[in-house]
Structure formats: C-alpha cells, structure tokens
C-alpha cells in the first residue's frame, strides 16, 4: 500500500468523502512537507508516520470539534441574531454537513473521569443531529496556537472550508512554509500570523493545539482561558487519558484554571492505523 492509498483509507475510516478534493489537497500538503523538511526541519516524521501521526491524528476528533463549533454558533446566533440558514461544508460523508456532527463520547458534565477504552468515532447508524440555524457572519473562528508545520490547522481548514482559521506560529522558517502551502492550496479561509499567542489580540472563540505545552504551564493557559470568549471552547490534543487526568487534577485549586478543569471533558479519539492512545481535552468556558 503506497502513501496515497494509506491516506485515502485513513480518511475513509474517519468518514471523509475523498471525492470532495480533500485527498488531493492533503497529498499535496504532504508532498510539500517532504520537500521542505530536510532544510527547514518542520516535523520529525516522514512517510507513513507523517500521514498517521500528524495528518490523521489532526483529523481524528473532527466530529467532536464539529459538535463543539455548532454549540458556539448557536450561542453566537442567540447573542447577535441573524437569519436562520443551514450551514454545511465539512468534507465528510454520509452526513456531508457540519451540523450532522456525531459526538464521539459522552461524559458527565464537569467531570473528567471517563471510560478508558477509546471509541471508534464512525457509526452511520447513530441518528444525525438536526441542522442548526446560524448566521454565516457569526460562524465560530478556530485559532491554532503553535501550529508548527500546520497541524492541526491545515487539515482542519480543509475539513471545515466554511470556517475561518488563524494559525499562530513564531518561527520565520515555519511561517514561510505555511504561507507557501496556503497559497499553493488556495486556502482562502486561513490566516497565517507570525507572532506569539501573548501578542495576539483577536478574541478567541475556539482554540486548538497539538504538542504545545502541558497544562502545568499555568501562565500560558491562564492567558488562553481569560481570552477565550464566554461559550468558547478549548480543544487540546493529548495522548494518554491518564496523563490528561493528572494534568487537569493539578488545576483544581487555581483561581483561574480551576474553571477550565471543572468544565473539561476528556474524550477518547481513534486514529486509523495507530495503536497508541489518543484523546482530546475539551473545555467550554461558561457563558
């Protein structure tokens, strides 16, 4: 099985419709990483590891994110008003719409204790959620902090083409690559910013990050949590569930981050062809 076949099988396993162009775009993205990587050192992976541990890993929680973004949209529509429409645009099947997001796992509200066994997030038999009336002007924006070579921001921007994405990165060489790939793929929904998070001034509606820093970096995460709008969502890509539990437990007494821990869910995700444990920590800021 060659690399494109591996990617195609992985996307199909995650319930993406590869006829919508996402396979071609991701293949181009991977080719560009392979070309730039020897000189720029973008990511410590190549070949199958690059596909599985970075691209498919970035896309694995897309249903969780779609559900969370819908909730943000609903809150924004209630706050600002707007003509009801049906939002679509996720390159996935059979639903083919963001509003058909199926939750990957359920947990008790404000309780990070969850079943340990990961759940494969593909079950067409689960009833599809009804379309959510939203105003296209108020669709929640996604901010990827410390995006590096564009993970998870670039794959997610391809999966959610109607959403706006801000990718934040400090290093000049990574910015050059990101600007190149955004132009090459004609990603009009992606804004690349060379800055640190501390210098970013746009309000945060949905924050995502992979391999950033542990929650023990309280200074950083206090800043993120304070800047997140009420009703907004933080989505942290993590590895082992037990490690995530410990990280959140240490935040319980913090005057700022205690709220993050109290409103966090640890949701297991399944990455095709990967035998390692993966989860996301999803925390919604109270309105």
Protein backbone atom coordinates (compact mmCIF):
# COMPACT_ATOMS: atom_id res chain seq x y z
CA UNK A 1 0.00 0.00 0.00
CA UNK A 2 1.53 3.31 -1.09
CA UNK A 3 1.25 6.55 0.85
CA UNK A 4 -1.72 7.93 -1.08
CA UNK A 5 -3.62 4.68 -0.58
CA UNK A 6 -2.83 4.80 3.14
CA UNK A 7 -4.11 8.36 3.36
CA UNK A 8 -7.23 7.50 1.36
CA UNK A 9 -8.02 4.54 3.60
CA UNK A 10 -7.44 6.61 6.71
CA UNK A 11 -9.75 9.39 5.50
CA UNK A 12 -12.43 6.88 4.56
CA UNK A 13 -12.15 5.28 8.02
CA UNK A 14 -12.77 8.70 9.55
CA UNK A 15 -15.83 9.03 7.30
CA UNK A 16 -14.49 11.67 4.90
CA UNK A 17 -15.67 11.80 1.30
CA UNK A 18 -12.38 11.69 -0.62
CA UNK A 19 -14.15 12.64 -3.85
CA UNK A 20 -14.59 16.19 -2.47
CA UNK A 21 -10.92 17.05 -3.04
CA UNK A 22 -9.59 16.65 0.48
CA UNK A 23 -7.44 13.65 -0.51
CA UNK A 24 -5.76 15.58 -3.31
CA UNK A 25 -5.19 18.65 -1.14
CA UNK A 26 -3.72 16.65 1.73
CA UNK A 27 -1.49 14.70 -0.66
CA UNK A 28 -0.12 18.00 -1.99
CA UNK A 29 0.36 19.24 1.57
CA UNK A 30 2.31 16.11 2.48
CA UNK A 31 4.46 16.36 -0.67
CA UNK A 32 5.37 19.95 0.23
CA UNK A 33 6.29 18.98 3.80
CA UNK A 34 8.55 16.23 2.46
CA UNK A 35 10.26 18.75 0.12
CA UNK A 36 10.77 21.45 2.76
CA UNK A 37 11.53 19.21 5.73
CA UNK A 38 15.22 18.39 5.07
CA UNK A 39 16.18 22.07 5.07
CA UNK A 40 13.58 23.56 7.43
CA UNK A 41 13.12 20.74 9.94
CA UNK A 42 9.35 21.24 10.04
CA UNK A 43 8.38 17.96 11.67
CA UNK A 44 10.22 14.90 12.97
CA UNK A 45 8.37 12.41 10.79
CA UNK A 46 8.12 11.19 7.22
CA UNK A 47 6.25 8.66 5.13
CA UNK A 48 3.65 6.62 6.99
CA UNK A 49 4.40 8.27 10.34
CA UNK A 50 3.73 11.69 8.82
CA UNK A 51 0.38 10.51 7.48
CA UNK A 52 -0.79 8.63 10.56
CA UNK A 53 0.70 10.55 13.48
CA UNK A 54 0.17 14.03 12.08
CA UNK A 55 -2.48 14.25 9.34
CA UNK A 56 -4.88 11.55 10.51
CA UNK A 57 -4.20 12.44 14.14
CA UNK A 58 -5.15 16.07 13.36
CA UNK A 59 -8.42 14.99 11.76
CA UNK A 60 -9.37 12.21 14.19
CA UNK A 61 -11.51 14.40 16.53
CA UNK A 62 -13.30 16.27 13.71
CA UNK A 63 -16.73 15.12 14.89
CA UNK A 64 -16.00 16.34 18.42
CA UNK A 65 -14.91 19.70 17.04
CA UNK A 66 -17.89 19.94 14.71
CA UNK A 67 -20.23 19.40 17.62
CA UNK A 68 -18.41 21.98 19.74
CA UNK A 69 -18.37 24.54 16.93
CA UNK A 70 -22.10 24.07 16.40
CA UNK A 71 -22.68 24.90 20.06
CA UNK A 72 -20.60 28.06 19.73
CA UNK A 73 -22.55 29.01 16.59
CA UNK A 74 -25.81 28.54 18.42
CA UNK A 75 -24.70 30.80 21.25
CA UNK A 76 -23.45 33.46 18.84
CA UNK A 77 -26.70 33.34 16.86
CA UNK A 78 -28.68 33.80 20.07
CA UNK A 79 -26.47 36.69 21.13
CA UNK A 80 -26.26 38.57 17.85
CA UNK A 81 -29.33 37.36 15.97
CA UNK A 82 -29.43 36.66 12.26
CA UNK A 83 -31.43 34.95 9.54
CA UNK A 84 -31.67 31.16 10.04
CA UNK A 85 -29.73 29.17 7.47
CA UNK A 86 -28.27 25.69 7.30
CA UNK A 87 -24.51 25.64 7.47
CA UNK A 88 -22.66 22.96 5.53
CA UNK A 89 -19.15 22.45 4.33
CA UNK A 90 -17.42 19.62 6.18
CA UNK A 91 -15.86 17.31 3.62
CA UNK A 92 -17.38 14.22 5.20
CA UNK A 93 -19.90 11.53 4.44
CA UNK A 94 -22.56 10.28 4.81
CA UNK A 95 -23.72 13.44 6.54
CA UNK A 96 -21.80 15.98 4.39
CA UNK A 97 -22.54 18.80 6.83
CA UNK A 98 -21.02 20.25 9.96
CA UNK A 99 -24.43 20.17 11.60
CA UNK A 100 -24.56 16.38 11.38
CA UNK A 101 -21.71 16.00 13.85
CA UNK A 102 -21.93 12.86 15.96
CA UNK A 103 -20.45 13.04 19.46
CA UNK A 104 -17.53 10.66 19.87
CA UNK A 105 -18.11 10.02 23.53
CA UNK A 106 -20.23 11.30 26.36
CA UNK A 107 -19.05 12.14 29.87
CA UNK A 108 -20.55 13.58 32.98
CA UNK A 109 -20.63 17.38 32.84
CA UNK A 110 -17.66 18.98 34.64
CA UNK A 111 -16.16 15.57 35.38
CA UNK A 112 -13.01 14.46 33.58
CA UNK A 113 -13.40 10.83 34.71
CA UNK A 114 -14.29 8.77 31.65
CA UNK A 115 -14.09 5.22 30.32
CA UNK A 116 -10.51 4.39 29.35
CA UNK A 117 -11.22 2.37 26.22
CA UNK A 118 -11.10 4.56 23.06
CA UNK A 119 -14.20 4.58 20.92
CA UNK A 120 -14.06 4.44 17.14
CA UNK A 121 -15.96 7.58 16.03
CA UNK A 122 -17.67 6.13 12.97
CA UNK A 123 -21.20 4.84 13.28
CA UNK A 124 -23.62 5.79 10.49
CA UNK A 125 -26.43 4.19 12.47
CA UNK A 126 -26.37 7.00 15.03
CA UNK A 127 -29.17 9.49 14.31
CA UNK A 128 -27.98 12.70 12.70
CA UNK A 129 -28.48 15.92 14.62
CA UNK A 130 -30.83 18.46 13.04
CA UNK A 131 -29.41 21.48 11.24
CA UNK A 132 -28.68 24.44 13.50
CA UNK A 133 -29.91 27.87 12.42
CA UNK A 134 -26.92 30.20 12.31
CA UNK A 135 -25.88 33.46 10.75
CA UNK A 136 -22.99 32.97 8.29
CA UNK A 137 -21.41 36.14 9.65
CA UNK A 138 -21.23 34.61 13.12
CA UNK A 139 -19.66 31.23 12.40
CA UNK A 140 -17.12 30.49 15.08
CA UNK A 141 -13.49 31.05 14.13
CA UNK A 142 -10.78 28.49 15.01
CA UNK A 143 -7.36 29.59 16.30
CA UNK A 144 -4.49 27.10 16.17
CA UNK A 145 -1.80 28.11 18.67
CA UNK A 146 1.76 27.00 17.92
CA UNK A 147 0.75 25.39 14.65
CA UNK A 148 4.30 24.43 13.58
CA UNK A 149 4.02 22.86 10.13
CA UNK A 150 0.26 23.44 10.19
CA UNK A 151 -1.01 20.70 12.47
CA UNK A 152 -3.85 20.52 13.18
CA UNK A 153 -4.84 23.81 11.49
CA UNK A 154 -4.27 22.98 7.80
CA UNK A 155 -6.05 19.59 7.80
CA UNK A 156 -8.92 21.08 9.81
CA UNK A 157 -9.20 24.06 7.45
CA UNK A 158 -9.61 21.57 4.59
CA UNK A 159 -12.23 19.65 6.58
CA UNK A 160 -14.16 22.81 7.55
CA UNK A 161 -13.90 25.03 4.42
CA UNK A 162 -16.61 27.47 5.54
CA UNK A 163 -14.81 28.24 8.80
CA UNK A 164 -12.13 30.87 9.28
CA UNK A 165 -8.83 29.69 10.75
CA UNK A 166 -5.99 31.66 12.34
CA UNK A 167 -2.68 29.80 12.53
CA UNK A 168 -0.23 31.29 15.03
CA UNK A 169 3.47 30.50 14.80
CA UNK A 170 6.61 32.35 15.94
CA UNK A 171 9.38 30.83 13.82
CA UNK A 172 10.17 32.51 10.50
CA UNK A 173 11.05 29.31 8.62
CA UNK A 174 7.73 27.71 9.54
CA UNK A 175 5.87 30.87 8.56
CA UNK A 176 7.49 30.76 5.11
CA UNK A 177 6.35 27.18 4.64
CA UNK A 178 2.83 27.92 5.86
CA UNK A 179 2.44 30.95 3.62
CA UNK A 180 3.63 28.83 0.70
CA UNK A 181 1.19 25.98 1.35
CA UNK A 182 -1.76 28.32 1.93
CA UNK A 183 -1.05 29.99 -1.41
CA UNK A 184 -0.39 26.66 -3.14
CA UNK A 185 -3.68 25.14 -1.92
CA UNK A 186 -5.58 28.46 -2.31
CA UNK A 187 -6.87 28.27 1.24
CA UNK A 188 -8.86 31.48 1.49
CA UNK A 189 -10.14 30.54 4.94
CA UNK A 190 -6.66 30.50 6.55
CA UNK A 191 -4.81 33.49 8.02
CA UNK A 192 -1.15 32.89 8.93
CA UNK A 193 0.25 35.09 11.70
CA UNK A 194 3.87 35.27 12.80
CA UNK A 195 3.53 36.14 16.45
CA UNK A 196 3.32 34.62 19.90
CA UNK A 197 -0.02 33.95 21.49
CA UNK A 198 0.61 36.69 24.04
CA UNK A 199 0.71 39.28 21.22
CA UNK A 200 -2.45 38.05 19.52
CA UNK A 201 -5.35 40.42 20.09
CA UNK A 202 -8.33 38.87 18.27
CA UNK A 203 -10.95 37.34 20.60
CA UNK A 204 -10.78 33.58 20.90
CA UNK A 205 -13.86 31.53 20.05
CA UNK A 206 -12.36 28.07 19.54
CA UNK A 207 -8.72 27.30 20.37
CA UNK A 208 -6.95 24.14 19.22
CA UNK A 209 -3.39 22.95 19.71
CA UNK A 210 -1.21 19.84 19.45
CA UNK A 211 2.09 19.27 21.24
CA UNK A 212 2.05 22.79 22.65
CA UNK A 213 2.72 22.64 26.38
CA UNK A 214 1.20 20.73 29.31
CA UNK A 215 -1.48 22.41 31.40
CA UNK A 216 1.17 22.80 34.12
CA UNK A 217 2.34 25.89 32.21
CA UNK A 218 -0.21 27.87 34.15
CA UNK A 219 0.89 31.29 32.93
CA UNK A 220 0.15 30.38 29.30
CA UNK A 221 -3.14 28.66 29.98
CA UNK A 222 -4.41 31.36 32.32
CA UNK A 223 -3.88 33.78 29.45
CA UNK A 224 -5.67 31.50 26.97
CA UNK A 225 -8.60 30.84 29.31
CA UNK A 226 -9.03 34.52 30.14
CA UNK A 227 -9.00 35.45 26.45
CA UNK A 228 -11.47 32.77 25.44
CA UNK A 229 -14.93 34.24 24.91
CA UNK A 230 -17.79 33.03 27.14
CA UNK A 231 -19.26 29.97 25.45
CA UNK A 232 -15.98 29.41 23.61
CA UNK A 233 -14.12 26.11 23.52
CA UNK A 234 -10.55 24.98 24.16
CA UNK A 235 -9.58 21.72 22.43
CA UNK A 236 -6.21 20.23 23.40
CA UNK A 237 -4.91 17.20 21.53
CA UNK A 238 -3.44 14.79 24.06
CA UNK A 239 -2.01 11.30 24.30
CA UNK A 240 -2.79 9.08 27.26
CA UNK A 241 -6.03 9.66 29.14
CA UNK A 242 -4.37 9.05 32.49
CA UNK A 243 -1.85 11.82 31.84
CA UNK A 244 -4.63 14.23 30.92
CA UNK A 245 -6.48 13.40 34.13
CA UNK A 246 -3.40 14.19 36.17
CA UNK A 247 -2.81 17.48 34.34
CA UNK A 248 -6.39 18.61 34.96
CA UNK A 249 -6.34 17.49 38.59
CA UNK A 250 -3.42 19.83 39.25
CA UNK A 251 -5.50 22.82 38.07
CA UNK A 252 -8.35 22.31 40.52
CA UNK A 253 -7.24 24.87 43.10
CA UNK A 254 -6.04 27.51 40.65
CA UNK A 255 -8.25 30.65 40.80
CA UNK A 256 -8.38 30.89 37.00
CA UNK A 257 -7.70 27.41 35.69
CA UNK A 258 -9.95 25.72 38.21
CA UNK A 259 -12.80 26.78 35.93
CA UNK A 260 -11.08 25.14 32.96
CA UNK A 261 -10.67 21.87 34.87
CA UNK A 262 -14.24 21.94 36.18
CA UNK A 263 -15.65 22.38 32.67
CA UNK A 264 -13.32 19.93 30.91
CA UNK A 265 -14.15 16.60 29.33
CA UNK A 266 -11.54 14.04 28.33
CA UNK A 267 -12.78 12.43 25.14
CA UNK A 268 -11.02 9.39 23.64
CA UNK A 269 -10.43 9.53 19.89
CA UNK A 270 -9.47 6.85 17.42
CA UNK A 271 -6.70 7.42 14.87
CA UNK A 272 -6.65 4.94 11.96
CA UNK A 273 -3.61 2.62 11.87
CA UNK A 274 -2.32 3.94 15.20
CA UNK A 275 -2.03 1.62 18.19
CA UNK A 276 -1.22 4.44 20.62
CA UNK A 277 -3.77 6.05 22.90
CA UNK A 278 -5.15 9.44 21.90
CA UNK A 279 -7.68 11.79 23.44
CA UNK A 280 -8.74 15.43 23.40
CA UNK A 281 -9.42 17.64 26.37
CA UNK A 282 -12.45 19.77 25.53
CA UNK A 283 -13.26 22.65 27.89
CA UNK A 284 -16.15 25.04 27.30
CA UNK A 285 -15.97 28.41 29.07
CA UNK A 286 -19.22 29.17 30.93
CA UNK A 287 -21.34 31.96 29.50
